Each structure stands twice: as structure tokens, then as C-alpha cells.
Amino acid sequence: MSHIVTVQDAVTAFADFMEPTDAELDAIEQEMPVILADVDLLDAQIATLDRTPTELDVRRIRRARRRALAARVALINAANETLPGGAA
């Protein structure tokens, strides 16, 4: 005879204590410009997957790449400013 038991991990997989902390949400908020810039870059690249990129597509990808890099630089600079002593 086999017994029916519940799987405790499956029952508690979405418990309240597994929500993101305020610090994690703040980190996501700080990284949001980088995330959005990466999404724009991916959108520009995906649009040209099934065809030859036009000059307009090339410029769109170039602009999106520059925005993604600028967002990363801004995030790194903001992180360096918060370090003690002002140096990385």
C-alpha cells in the first residue's frame, strides 16, 4: 500500500518570506535604465534578424548600443560615488 503525502517544498515554494527584500528592489530600480536600454538594443537587433538591415536599421542599432553603454557607465559611476573614499 502506498501512502499519499504532500511535498512540503511545493506547498511553501511561494511563501511570504521568499519575496524580494527592500534592498533587492532598490538594486533593481537602480539597474532599470540599463535593463530598458538592453531591451531597446535587443528590439533593434531582433527587427533585423530575418532581413538585411537597412541604413535606418544600422543607425537604430548603433544608437541603442550607445544608450546601453551610456546606461552602464552611469550605473558604474553611481556605484563608484557611493564607495567609501570615492574610489573603486
N, C-alpha and C. Protein backbone atom coordinates (compact mmCIF):
# COMPACT_ATOMS: atom_id res chain seq x y z
N MET A 1 0.84 -1.17 0.00
CA MET A 1 0.00 0.00 0.00
C MET A 1 0.89 1.24 0.00
N SER A 2 0.62 2.19 -0.90
CA SER A 2 1.42 3.40 -0.93
C SER A 2 0.65 4.52 -0.24
N HIS A 3 1.40 5.34 0.48
CA HIS A 3 0.78 6.43 1.22
C HIS A 3 0.84 7.71 0.39
N ILE A 4 -0.17 8.52 0.56
CA ILE A 4 -0.20 9.80 -0.12
C ILE A 4 0.30 10.85 0.86
N VAL A 5 1.36 11.55 0.46
CA VAL A 5 1.93 12.59 1.32
C VAL A 5 2.06 13.87 0.51
N THR A 6 2.08 14.99 1.19
CA THR A 6 2.29 16.25 0.49
C THR A 6 3.77 16.55 0.41
N VAL A 7 4.13 17.25 -0.59
CA VAL A 7 5.51 17.67 -0.76
C VAL A 7 5.63 19.06 -0.14
N GLN A 8 6.35 19.16 0.96
CA GLN A 8 6.42 20.41 1.70
C GLN A 8 7.04 21.53 0.88
N ASP A 9 8.06 21.24 0.07
CA ASP A 9 8.71 22.29 -0.73
C ASP A 9 7.73 22.89 -1.73
N ALA A 10 6.90 22.08 -2.32
CA ALA A 10 5.94 22.59 -3.29
C ALA A 10 4.87 23.45 -2.62
N VAL A 11 4.52 23.11 -1.41
CA VAL A 11 3.49 23.86 -0.69
C VAL A 11 4.03 25.21 -0.25
N THR A 12 5.28 25.27 0.19
CA THR A 12 5.84 26.51 0.72
C THR A 12 6.72 27.25 -0.28
N ALA A 13 6.66 26.87 -1.55
CA ALA A 13 7.55 27.48 -2.54
C ALA A 13 7.26 28.97 -2.72
N PHE A 14 6.05 29.38 -2.45
CA PHE A 14 5.69 30.79 -2.66
C PHE A 14 5.27 31.44 -1.35
N ALA A 15 5.99 31.13 -0.31
CA ALA A 15 5.69 31.71 0.99
C ALA A 15 6.09 33.17 1.03
N ASP A 16 5.54 33.91 1.99
CA ASP A 16 5.79 35.35 2.09
C ASP A 16 7.26 35.67 2.29
N PHE A 17 7.99 34.83 2.99
CA PHE A 17 9.39 35.14 3.28
C PHE A 17 10.27 35.05 2.04
N MET A 18 9.75 34.60 0.93
CA MET A 18 10.55 34.48 -0.29
C MET A 18 10.40 35.69 -1.20
N GLU A 19 9.70 36.71 -0.76
CA GLU A 19 9.55 37.94 -1.54
C GLU A 19 10.88 38.70 -1.55
N PRO A 20 11.13 39.51 -2.57
CA PRO A 20 12.37 40.29 -2.59
C PRO A 20 12.40 41.31 -1.45
N THR A 21 13.57 41.52 -0.94
CA THR A 21 13.74 42.50 0.14
C THR A 21 13.72 43.90 -0.43
N ASP A 22 13.64 44.89 0.46
CA ASP A 22 13.68 46.28 0.01
C ASP A 22 15.01 46.60 -0.67
N ALA A 23 16.09 46.04 -0.16
CA ALA A 23 17.41 46.28 -0.76
C ALA A 23 17.47 45.70 -2.18
N GLU A 24 16.89 44.52 -2.38
CA GLU A 24 16.88 43.92 -3.71
C GLU A 24 16.02 44.74 -4.68
N LEU A 25 14.89 45.23 -4.20
CA LEU A 25 14.04 46.07 -5.04
C LEU A 25 14.73 47.38 -5.39
N ASP A 26 15.48 47.96 -4.44
CA ASP A 26 16.24 49.18 -4.71
C ASP A 26 17.32 48.93 -5.76
N ALA A 27 17.98 47.78 -5.67
CA ALA A 27 19.02 47.44 -6.64
C ALA A 27 18.42 47.29 -8.04
N ILE A 28 17.26 46.68 -8.13
CA ILE A 28 16.59 46.53 -9.42
C ILE A 28 16.21 47.90 -9.96
N GLU A 29 15.72 48.77 -9.09
CA GLU A 29 15.34 50.12 -9.50
C GLU A 29 16.55 50.90 -10.04
N GLN A 30 17.71 50.73 -9.40
CA GLN A 30 18.91 51.41 -9.86
C GLN A 30 19.37 50.87 -11.21
N GLU A 31 19.17 49.59 -11.45
CA GLU A 31 19.60 48.96 -12.70
C GLU A 31 18.58 49.09 -13.82
N MET A 32 17.40 49.63 -13.53
CA MET A 32 16.33 49.70 -14.52
C MET A 32 16.73 50.45 -15.80
N PRO A 33 17.46 51.57 -15.76
CA PRO A 33 17.87 52.21 -17.02
C PRO A 33 18.72 51.28 -17.90
N VAL A 34 19.58 50.49 -17.29
CA VAL A 34 20.40 49.55 -18.05
C VAL A 34 19.53 48.46 -18.66
N ILE A 35 18.58 47.96 -17.88
CA ILE A 35 17.69 46.91 -18.36
C ILE A 35 16.87 47.42 -19.55
N LEU A 36 16.30 48.62 -19.43
CA LEU A 36 15.49 49.17 -20.51
C LEU A 36 16.32 49.46 -21.76
N ALA A 37 17.54 49.92 -21.58
CA ALA A 37 18.42 50.17 -22.72
C ALA A 37 18.78 48.86 -23.42
N ASP A 38 19.01 47.81 -22.64
CA ASP A 38 19.29 46.50 -23.24
C ASP A 38 18.09 45.96 -24.00
N VAL A 39 16.90 46.19 -23.48
CA VAL A 39 15.68 45.76 -24.18
C VAL A 39 15.55 46.50 -25.51
N ASP A 40 15.81 47.80 -25.51
CA ASP A 40 15.77 48.56 -26.76
C ASP A 40 16.78 48.04 -27.77
N LEU A 41 17.98 47.72 -27.30
CA LEU A 41 19.00 47.17 -28.19
C LEU A 41 18.56 45.83 -28.76
N LEU A 42 18.02 44.97 -27.92
CA LEU A 42 17.53 43.67 -28.40
C LEU A 42 16.39 43.84 -29.40
N ASP A 43 15.50 44.78 -29.15
CA ASP A 43 14.42 45.03 -30.10
C ASP A 43 14.97 45.44 -31.46
N ALA A 44 15.96 46.31 -31.46
CA ALA A 44 16.56 46.76 -32.72
C ALA A 44 17.25 45.60 -33.44
N GLN A 45 17.92 44.75 -32.68
CA GLN A 45 18.61 43.62 -33.30
C GLN A 45 17.64 42.56 -33.80
N ILE A 46 16.59 42.30 -33.04
CA ILE A 46 15.60 41.30 -33.44
C ILE A 46 14.87 41.73 -34.71
N ALA A 47 14.65 43.02 -34.85
CA ALA A 47 13.95 43.51 -36.03
C ALA A 47 14.70 43.21 -37.32
N THR A 48 15.99 42.99 -37.24
CA THR A 48 16.80 42.76 -38.44
C THR A 48 17.22 41.30 -38.60
N LEU A 49 16.68 40.41 -37.80
CA LEU A 49 17.11 39.02 -37.89
C LEU A 49 16.73 38.36 -39.21
N ASP A 50 15.57 38.65 -39.73
CA ASP A 50 15.08 37.95 -40.92
C ASP A 50 15.22 38.74 -42.21
N ARG A 51 15.99 39.83 -42.17
CA ARG A 51 16.18 40.62 -43.38
C ARG A 51 17.52 41.34 -43.31
N THR A 52 17.94 41.84 -44.43
CA THR A 52 19.17 42.61 -44.47
C THR A 52 18.91 43.97 -43.85
N PRO A 53 19.73 44.39 -42.89
CA PRO A 53 19.49 45.69 -42.25
C PRO A 53 19.65 46.84 -43.23
N THR A 54 18.72 47.77 -43.16
CA THR A 54 18.82 48.99 -43.96
C THR A 54 19.71 49.97 -43.21
N GLU A 55 19.99 51.11 -43.87
CA GLU A 55 20.79 52.14 -43.20
C GLU A 55 20.08 52.64 -41.94
N LEU A 56 18.77 52.75 -41.98
CA LEU A 56 18.00 53.17 -40.82
C LEU A 56 18.12 52.15 -39.69
N ASP A 57 18.08 50.86 -40.02
CA ASP A 57 18.26 49.81 -39.01
C ASP A 57 19.64 49.89 -38.37
N VAL A 58 20.65 50.11 -39.19
CA VAL A 58 22.02 50.20 -38.68
C VAL A 58 22.14 51.37 -37.70
N ARG A 59 21.55 52.51 -38.07
CA ARG A 59 21.59 53.67 -37.17
C ARG A 59 20.83 53.42 -35.89
N ARG A 60 19.68 52.74 -36.00
CA ARG A 60 18.88 52.42 -34.80
C ARG A 60 19.66 51.50 -33.86
N ILE A 61 20.33 50.50 -34.41
CA ILE A 61 21.13 49.59 -33.58
C ILE A 61 22.30 50.34 -32.95
N ARG A 62 22.95 51.19 -33.73
CA ARG A 62 24.08 51.95 -33.21
C ARG A 62 23.66 52.87 -32.05
N ARG A 63 22.52 53.56 -32.24
CA ARG A 63 22.02 54.44 -31.17
C ARG A 63 21.65 53.64 -29.93
N ALA A 64 21.00 52.49 -30.13
CA ALA A 64 20.60 51.65 -28.99
C ALA A 64 21.83 51.12 -28.27
N ARG A 65 22.86 50.75 -29.02
CA ARG A 65 24.09 50.26 -28.39
C ARG A 65 24.75 51.37 -27.57
N ARG A 66 24.77 52.58 -28.11
CA ARG A 66 25.36 53.71 -27.38
C ARG A 66 24.58 54.01 -26.11
N ARG A 67 23.23 53.95 -26.19
CA ARG A 67 22.43 54.19 -24.98
C ARG A 67 22.67 53.11 -23.94
N ALA A 68 22.81 51.86 -24.38
CA ALA A 68 23.06 50.76 -23.44
C ALA A 68 24.41 50.95 -22.75
N LEU A 69 25.42 51.33 -23.52
CA LEU A 69 26.74 51.55 -22.93
C LEU A 69 26.73 52.76 -22.00
N ALA A 70 26.04 53.83 -22.38
CA ALA A 70 25.95 55.02 -21.53
C ALA A 70 25.22 54.70 -20.22
N ALA A 71 24.19 53.87 -20.30
CA ALA A 71 23.46 53.49 -19.08
C ALA A 71 24.37 52.68 -18.15
N ARG A 72 25.17 51.80 -18.73
CA ARG A 72 26.11 51.01 -17.91
C ARG A 72 27.15 51.91 -17.25
N VAL A 73 27.69 52.86 -18.02
CA VAL A 73 28.68 53.78 -17.48
C VAL A 73 28.07 54.59 -16.34
N ALA A 74 26.86 55.08 -16.53
CA ALA A 74 26.19 55.86 -15.49
C ALA A 74 25.97 55.02 -14.22
N LEU A 75 25.61 53.76 -14.39
CA LEU A 75 25.41 52.87 -13.24
C LEU A 75 26.73 52.64 -12.51
N ILE A 76 27.79 52.41 -13.26
CA ILE A 76 29.10 52.17 -12.63
C ILE A 76 29.58 53.43 -11.92
N ASN A 77 29.41 54.59 -12.56
CA ASN A 77 29.82 55.84 -11.92
C ASN A 77 29.03 56.10 -10.65
N ALA A 78 27.74 55.81 -10.67
CA ALA A 78 26.92 55.99 -9.47
C ALA A 78 27.36 55.04 -8.37
N ALA A 79 27.73 53.83 -8.73
CA ALA A 79 28.21 52.87 -7.73
C ALA A 79 29.54 53.30 -7.16
N ASN A 80 30.42 53.87 -7.99
CA ASN A 80 31.73 54.32 -7.51
C ASN A 80 31.61 55.52 -6.57
N GLU A 81 30.61 56.36 -6.80
CA GLU A 81 30.42 57.51 -5.92
C GLU A 81 29.96 57.12 -4.53
N THR A 82 29.31 55.96 -4.40
CA THR A 82 28.83 55.53 -3.10
C THR A 82 29.86 54.76 -2.30
N LEU A 83 30.98 54.40 -2.93
CA LEU A 83 32.02 53.67 -2.21
C LEU A 83 32.77 54.61 -1.28
N PRO A 84 33.22 54.10 -0.14
CA PRO A 84 34.00 54.96 0.77
C PRO A 84 35.31 55.37 0.11
N GLY A 85 35.65 56.63 0.23
CA GLY A 85 36.89 57.12 -0.36
C GLY A 85 36.74 57.54 -1.79
N GLY A 86 35.60 57.25 -2.41
CA GLY A 86 35.33 57.67 -3.78
C GLY A 86 36.09 56.91 -4.84
N ALA A 87 36.73 55.81 -4.48
CA ALA A 87 37.47 55.03 -5.47
C ALA A 87 36.95 53.60 -5.49
N ALA A 88 37.11 52.96 -6.63
CA ALA A 88 36.64 51.58 -6.76
C ALA A 88 37.67 50.62 -6.26
